[in-house]
């Protein structure tokens, strides 16, 4: 499936995206704060595309005028998520390459994924999280209508082999409809 916004195309990842993925995912400012290790090579990025980014509802974020992958937005539903969720709920995750920070692209991509989740997939509630210190992610979630729900302290984060504090936000379909109407 391909989703479109005013400035973006959200499309499935392809193995040919490995070089662009590596260009952004090797930056230490991107992965670790989002909860995943920096990529070590183009081959490492290719393997991540095959094993992680090829999952359903995971999209490469691309500018319409140049459809190379510059980030990612994804939705995991029910037991596939990092949270314990029923099949009617999902978790949204995202990241974008440093040159594209501060342009509102992730809120734009996330807003379209939210619409897709509620309207097309008929989910009832979406969840999102950010780790201590990731103020950019917190702000992106607020721009999309997510509100603070709870904080999980001292959680073991296996991908990074460390202990973290995660702040969890939530958006129900009813809240989204109300938020969307105010826009």
C-alpha atoms as a PDB file:
ATOM      1  CA  UNK A   1       0.000   0.000   0.000  1.00  0.00           C
ATOM      2  CA  UNK A   2       1.128   3.532  -0.708  1.00  0.00           C
ATOM      3  CA  UNK A   3      -0.092   6.489   1.357  1.00  0.00           C
ATOM      4  CA  UNK A   4       0.258  10.112   0.289  1.00  0.00           C
ATOM      5  CA  UNK A   5       0.252  13.476   2.029  1.00  0.00           C
ATOM      6  CA  UNK A   6       0.771  17.017   0.803  1.00  0.00           C
ATOM      7  CA  UNK A   7       4.575  16.631   0.681  1.00  0.00           C
ATOM      8  CA  UNK A   8       5.204  12.914   1.183  1.00  0.00           C
ATOM      9  CA  UNK A   9       4.848   9.429  -0.195  1.00  0.00           C
ATOM     10  CA  UNK A  10       4.752   6.606   2.337  1.00  0.00           C
ATOM     11  CA  UNK A  11       5.638   3.368   0.581  1.00  0.00           C
ATOM     12  CA  UNK A  12       6.910  -0.116   1.411  1.00  0.00           C
ATOM     13  CA  UNK A  13      10.651  -0.468   1.920  1.00  0.00           C
ATOM     14  CA  UNK A  14      12.676  -2.076  -0.866  1.00  0.00           C
ATOM     15  CA  UNK A  15      16.111  -3.707  -0.732  1.00  0.00           C
ATOM     16  CA  UNK A  16      17.315  -0.950  -3.067  1.00  0.00           C
ATOM     17  CA  UNK A  17      16.742   1.540  -0.218  1.00  0.00           C
ATOM     18  CA  UNK A  18      19.702   0.108   1.738  1.00  0.00           C
ATOM     19  CA  UNK A  19      22.211   2.813   0.760  1.00  0.00           C
ATOM     20  CA  UNK A  20      19.841   5.657   1.635  1.00  0.00           C
ATOM     21  CA  UNK A  21      18.824   3.938   4.856  1.00  0.00           C
ATOM     22  CA  UNK A  22      22.467   3.537   5.851  1.00  0.00           C
ATOM     23  CA  UNK A  23      23.198   7.194   5.056  1.00  0.00           C
ATOM     24  CA  UNK A  24      20.703   8.285   7.745  1.00  0.00           C
ATOM     25  CA  UNK A  25      20.751   5.323  10.136  1.00  0.00           C
ATOM     26  CA  UNK A  26      24.517   5.446  10.714  1.00  0.00           C
ATOM     27  CA  UNK A  27      24.091   8.828  12.440  1.00  0.00           C
ATOM     28  CA  UNK A  28      24.332   8.399  16.224  1.00  0.00           C
ATOM     29  CA  UNK A  29      21.699  11.129  16.715  1.00  0.00           C
ATOM     30  CA  UNK A  30      18.976   9.021  15.064  1.00  0.00           C
ATOM     31  CA  UNK A  31      18.775   5.391  16.193  1.00  0.00           C
ATOM     32  CA  UNK A  32      19.896   5.307  19.823  1.00  0.00           C
ATOM     33  CA  UNK A  33      17.411   7.939  21.007  1.00  0.00           C
ATOM     34  CA  UNK A  34      14.668   6.023  19.168  1.00  0.00           C
ATOM     35  CA  UNK A  35      15.755   2.719  20.702  1.00  0.00           C
ATOM     36  CA  UNK A  36      17.830   1.005  18.018  1.00  0.00           C
ATOM     37  CA  UNK A  37      21.569   0.784  17.335  1.00  0.00           C
ATOM     38  CA  UNK A  38      23.296   2.742  14.582  1.00  0.00           C
ATOM     39  CA  UNK A  39      23.670   0.845  11.340  1.00  0.00           C
ATOM     40  CA  UNK A  40      27.210  -0.337  10.671  1.00  0.00           C
ATOM     41  CA  UNK A  41      27.160  -0.857   6.886  1.00  0.00           C
ATOM     42  CA  UNK A  42      24.959  -0.861   3.804  1.00  0.00           C
ATOM     43  CA  UNK A  43      24.700  -4.630   4.228  1.00  0.00           C
ATOM     44  CA  UNK A  44      23.501  -4.148   7.830  1.00  0.00           C
ATOM     45  CA  UNK A  45      20.838  -1.731   6.543  1.00  0.00           C
ATOM     46  CA  UNK A  46      19.834  -4.221   3.823  1.00  0.00           C
ATOM     47  CA  UNK A  47      19.375  -6.905   6.491  1.00  0.00           C
ATOM     48  CA  UNK A  48      17.243  -4.512   8.607  1.00  0.00           C
ATOM     49  CA  UNK A  49      15.045  -3.886   5.563  1.00  0.00           C
ATOM     50  CA  UNK A  50      14.578  -7.641   5.107  1.00  0.00           C
ATOM     51  CA  UNK A  51      13.954  -8.508   8.762  1.00  0.00           C
ATOM     52  CA  UNK A  52      12.346  -5.420  10.322  1.00  0.00           C
ATOM     53  CA  UNK A  53      11.231  -2.823   7.801  1.00  0.00           C
ATOM     54  CA  UNK A  54       9.513  -5.309   5.480  1.00  0.00           C
ATOM     55  CA  UNK A  55       6.798  -5.989   8.072  1.00  0.00           C
ATOM     56  CA  UNK A  56       3.204  -5.002   7.277  1.00  0.00           C
ATOM     57  CA  UNK A  57       2.271  -1.348   7.829  1.00  0.00           C
ATOM     58  CA  UNK A  58       5.915  -0.185   7.847  1.00  0.00           C
ATOM     59  CA  UNK A  59       6.590   2.607   5.386  1.00  0.00           C
ATOM     60  CA  UNK A  60       9.587   4.439   3.956  1.00  0.00           C
ATOM     61  CA  UNK A  61       9.008   8.185   4.261  1.00  0.00           C
ATOM     62  CA  UNK A  62       9.868   9.861   0.944  1.00  0.00           C
ATOM     63  CA  UNK A  63       9.521  13.392  -0.377  1.00  0.00           C
ATOM     64  CA  UNK A  64       7.173  13.567  -3.370  1.00  0.00           C
ATOM     65  CA  UNK A  65       9.752  15.366  -5.504  1.00  0.00           C
ATOM     66  CA  UNK A  66      12.477  12.792  -4.757  1.00  0.00           C
ATOM     67  CA  UNK A  67      11.141   9.389  -3.663  1.00  0.00           C
ATOM     68  CA  UNK A  68      14.251   8.165  -1.829  1.00  0.00           C
ATOM     69  CA  UNK A  69      13.764   6.915   1.733  1.00  0.00           C
ATOM     70  CA  UNK A  70      14.590   9.636   4.286  1.00  0.00           C
ATOM     71  CA  UNK A  71      12.830   8.139   7.294  1.00  0.00           C
ATOM     72  CA  UNK A  72      10.319   5.593   8.473  1.00  0.00           C
ATOM     73  CA  UNK A  73       6.871   5.432  10.005  1.00  0.00           C
ATOM     74  CA  UNK A  74       5.262   2.214  11.086  1.00  0.00           C
ATOM     75  CA  UNK A  75       2.288   0.698  12.830  1.00  0.00           C
ATOM     76  CA  UNK A  76       2.367  -2.531  14.816  1.00  0.00           C
ATOM     77  CA  UNK A  77      -0.967  -4.007  15.784  1.00  0.00           C
ATOM     78  CA  UNK A  78      -1.918  -6.022  18.863  1.00  0.00           C
ATOM     79  CA  UNK A  79       0.638  -8.522  20.097  1.00  0.00           C
ATOM     80  CA  UNK A  80       3.158  -7.412  17.440  1.00  0.00           C
ATOM     81  CA  UNK A  81       3.676  -4.120  19.308  1.00  0.00           C
ATOM     82  CA  UNK A  82       6.085  -3.340  22.156  1.00  0.00           C
ATOM     83  CA  UNK A  83       3.070  -2.925  24.444  1.00  0.00           C
ATOM     84  CA  UNK A  84       0.533  -5.545  25.499  1.00  0.00           C
ATOM     85  CA  UNK A  85      -2.349  -4.571  23.212  1.00  0.00           C
ATOM     86  CA  UNK A  86      -5.545  -6.167  21.924  1.00  0.00           C
ATOM     87  CA  UNK A  87      -5.937  -6.621  18.155  1.00  0.00           C
ATOM     88  CA  UNK A  88      -8.061  -3.460  17.983  1.00  0.00           C
ATOM     89  CA  UNK A  89      -5.136  -1.254  19.080  1.00  0.00           C
ATOM     90  CA  UNK A  90      -1.756  -0.372  17.612  1.00  0.00           C
ATOM     91  CA  UNK A  91       1.551   1.324  18.294  1.00  0.00           C
ATOM     92  CA  UNK A  92       3.126   3.928  16.040  1.00  0.00           C
ATOM     93  CA  UNK A  93       6.875   4.408  15.695  1.00  0.00           C
ATOM     94  CA  UNK A  94       8.909   6.713  13.484  1.00  0.00           C
ATOM     95  CA  UNK A  95      12.251   8.339  12.745  1.00  0.00           C
ATOM     96  CA  UNK A  96      13.676  10.670  10.117  1.00  0.00           C
ATOM     97  CA  UNK A  97      17.182  11.557   8.935  1.00  0.00           C
ATOM     98  CA  UNK A  98      18.863  14.532  10.591  1.00  0.00           C
ATOM     99  CA  UNK A  99      18.848  16.790   7.485  1.00  0.00           C
ATOM    100  CA  UNK A 100      15.022  16.664   7.622  1.00  0.00           C
ATOM    101  CA  UNK A 101      14.560  17.473  11.297  1.00  0.00           C
ATOM    102  CA  UNK A 102      12.400  20.464  12.163  1.00  0.00           C
ATOM    103  CA  UNK A 103      10.406  20.504   8.919  1.00  0.00           C
ATOM    104  CA  UNK A 104       7.218  18.888  10.268  1.00  0.00           C
ATOM    105  CA  UNK A 105       7.638  15.826   8.052  1.00  0.00           C
ATOM    106  CA  UNK A 106       7.223  13.205  10.780  1.00  0.00           C
ATOM    107  CA  UNK A 107       4.017  14.765  12.150  1.00  0.00           C
ATOM    108  CA  UNK A 108       2.732  14.885   8.554  1.00  0.00           C
ATOM    109  CA  UNK A 109       3.612  11.222   7.926  1.00  0.00           C
ATOM    110  CA  UNK A 110       2.312  10.129  11.329  1.00  0.00           C
ATOM    111  CA  UNK A 111      -0.964  11.972  10.837  1.00  0.00           C
ATOM    112  CA  UNK A 112      -1.570  10.038   7.619  1.00  0.00           C
ATOM    113  CA  UNK A 113      -0.722   6.750   9.331  1.00  0.00           C
ATOM    114  CA  UNK A 114      -3.165   7.641  12.121  1.00  0.00           C
ATOM    115  CA  UNK A 115      -5.889   8.327   9.546  1.00  0.00           C
ATOM    116  CA  UNK A 116      -5.134   4.995   7.876  1.00  0.00           C
ATOM    117  CA  UNK A 117      -5.196   3.167  11.222  1.00  0.00           C
ATOM    118  CA  UNK A 118      -8.561   4.564  12.282  1.00  0.00           C
ATOM    119  CA  UNK A 119     -10.387   4.798   8.951  1.00  0.00           C
ATOM    120  CA  UNK A 120      -8.996   1.908   6.897  1.00  0.00           C
ATOM    121  CA  UNK A 121      -7.879  -0.571   9.559  1.00  0.00           C
ATOM    122  CA  UNK A 122     -10.675   0.327  12.001  1.00  0.00           C
ATOM    123  CA  UNK A 123      -8.440   0.435  15.074  1.00  0.00           C
ATOM    124  CA  UNK A 124      -9.861   1.998  18.227  1.00  0.00           C
ATOM    125  CA  UNK A 125      -6.735   3.253  20.027  1.00  0.00           C
ATOM    126  CA  UNK A 126      -3.159   4.100  19.095  1.00  0.00           C
ATOM    127  CA  UNK A 127      -0.155   4.243  21.388  1.00  0.00           C
ATOM    128  CA  UNK A 128       3.218   5.886  21.010  1.00  0.00           C
ATOM    129  CA  UNK A 129       6.241   6.263  23.258  1.00  0.00           C
ATOM    130  CA  UNK A 130       9.387   8.312  23.619  1.00  0.00           C
ATOM    131  CA  UNK A 131      12.426   7.838  25.791  1.00  0.00           C
ATOM    132  CA  UNK A 132      13.695  10.351  28.338  1.00  0.00           C
ATOM    133  CA  UNK A 133      15.459  13.177  26.556  1.00  0.00           C
ATOM    134  CA  UNK A 134      13.766  12.747  23.176  1.00  0.00           C
ATOM    135  CA  UNK A 135      11.919  16.049  23.151  1.00  0.00           C
ATOM    136  CA  UNK A 136      11.574  16.049  19.335  1.00  0.00           C
ATOM    137  CA  UNK A 137       9.600  12.810  19.486  1.00  0.00           C
ATOM    138  CA  UNK A 138       7.463  14.100  22.350  1.00  0.00           C
ATOM    139  CA  UNK A 139       6.628  17.227  20.339  1.00  0.00           C
ATOM    140  CA  UNK A 140       5.786  15.214  17.199  1.00  0.00           C
ATOM    141  CA  UNK A 141       3.340  13.133  19.217  1.00  0.00           C
ATOM    142  CA  UNK A 142       1.698  16.237  20.679  1.00  0.00           C
ATOM    143  CA  UNK A 143       1.298  17.722  17.176  1.00  0.00           C
ATOM    144  CA  UNK A 144      -0.580  14.562  16.163  1.00  0.00           C
ATOM    145  CA  UNK A 145      -2.994  14.680  19.109  1.00  0.00           C
ATOM    146  CA  UNK A 146      -1.395  12.080  21.379  1.00  0.00           C
ATOM    147  CA  UNK A 147      -1.641  12.823  25.099  1.00  0.00           C
ATOM    148  CA  UNK A 148       0.422  11.556  28.008  1.00  0.00           C
ATOM    149  CA  UNK A 149      -0.827   8.298  29.500  1.00  0.00           C
ATOM    150  CA  UNK A 150       1.915   6.918  31.775  1.00  0.00           C
ATOM    151  CA  UNK A 151       5.648   6.445  32.324  1.00  0.00           C
ATOM    152  CA  UNK A 152       7.461   3.110  32.493  1.00  0.00           C
ATOM    153  CA  UNK A 153      10.677   3.406  34.505  1.00  0.00           C
ATOM    154  CA  UNK A 154      13.700   1.146  34.449  1.00  0.00           C
ATOM    155  CA  UNK A 155      12.614  -0.987  31.514  1.00  0.00           C
ATOM    156  CA  UNK A 156      15.149  -3.286  29.964  1.00  0.00           C
ATOM    157  CA  UNK A 157      15.597  -2.252  26.320  1.00  0.00           C
ATOM    158  CA  UNK A 158      17.124  -5.279  24.643  1.00  0.00           C
ATOM    159  CA  UNK A 159      17.941  -3.643  21.287  1.00  0.00           C
ATOM    160  CA  UNK A 160      20.299  -1.246  23.029  1.00  0.00           C
ATOM    161  CA  UNK A 161      21.191  -3.502  25.971  1.00  0.00           C
ATOM    162  CA  UNK A 162      20.357  -0.782  28.492  1.00  0.00           C
ATOM    163  CA  UNK A 163      17.766   0.417  31.002  1.00  0.00           C
ATOM    164  CA  UNK A 164      15.433   3.240  29.961  1.00  0.00           C
ATOM    165  CA  UNK A 165      12.484   5.346  31.014  1.00  0.00           C
ATOM    166  CA  UNK A 166       9.718   5.498  28.432  1.00  0.00           C
ATOM    167  CA  UNK A 167       6.859   7.969  28.406  1.00  0.00           C
ATOM    168  CA  UNK A 168       3.757   6.497  26.786  1.00  0.00           C
ATOM    169  CA  UNK A 169       1.102   8.526  24.976  1.00  0.00           C
ATOM    170  CA  UNK A 170      -2.294   7.516  23.641  1.00  0.00           C
ATOM    171  CA  UNK A 171      -4.828   8.620  21.043  1.00  0.00           C
ATOM    172  CA  UNK A 172      -8.309   7.120  20.777  1.00  0.00           C
ATOM    173  CA  UNK A 173     -10.356   7.278  17.619  1.00  0.00           C
ATOM    174  CA  UNK A 174     -12.791   9.645  19.340  1.00  0.00           C
ATOM    175  CA  UNK A 175      -9.956  11.935  20.461  1.00  0.00           C
ATOM    176  CA  UNK A 176      -8.525  11.896  16.932  1.00  0.00           C
ATOM    177  CA  UNK A 177     -11.888  12.802  15.405  1.00  0.00           C
ATOM    178  CA  UNK A 178     -12.187  15.712  17.838  1.00  0.00           C
ATOM    179  CA  UNK A 179      -8.544  16.779  17.290  1.00  0.00           C
ATOM    180  CA  UNK A 180      -8.862  16.425  13.503  1.00  0.00           C
ATOM    181  CA  UNK A 181     -11.959  18.632  13.408  1.00  0.00           C
ATOM    182  CA  UNK A 182     -10.076  21.416  15.254  1.00  0.00           C
ATOM    183  CA  UNK A 183      -7.325  21.447  12.599  1.00  0.00           C
END
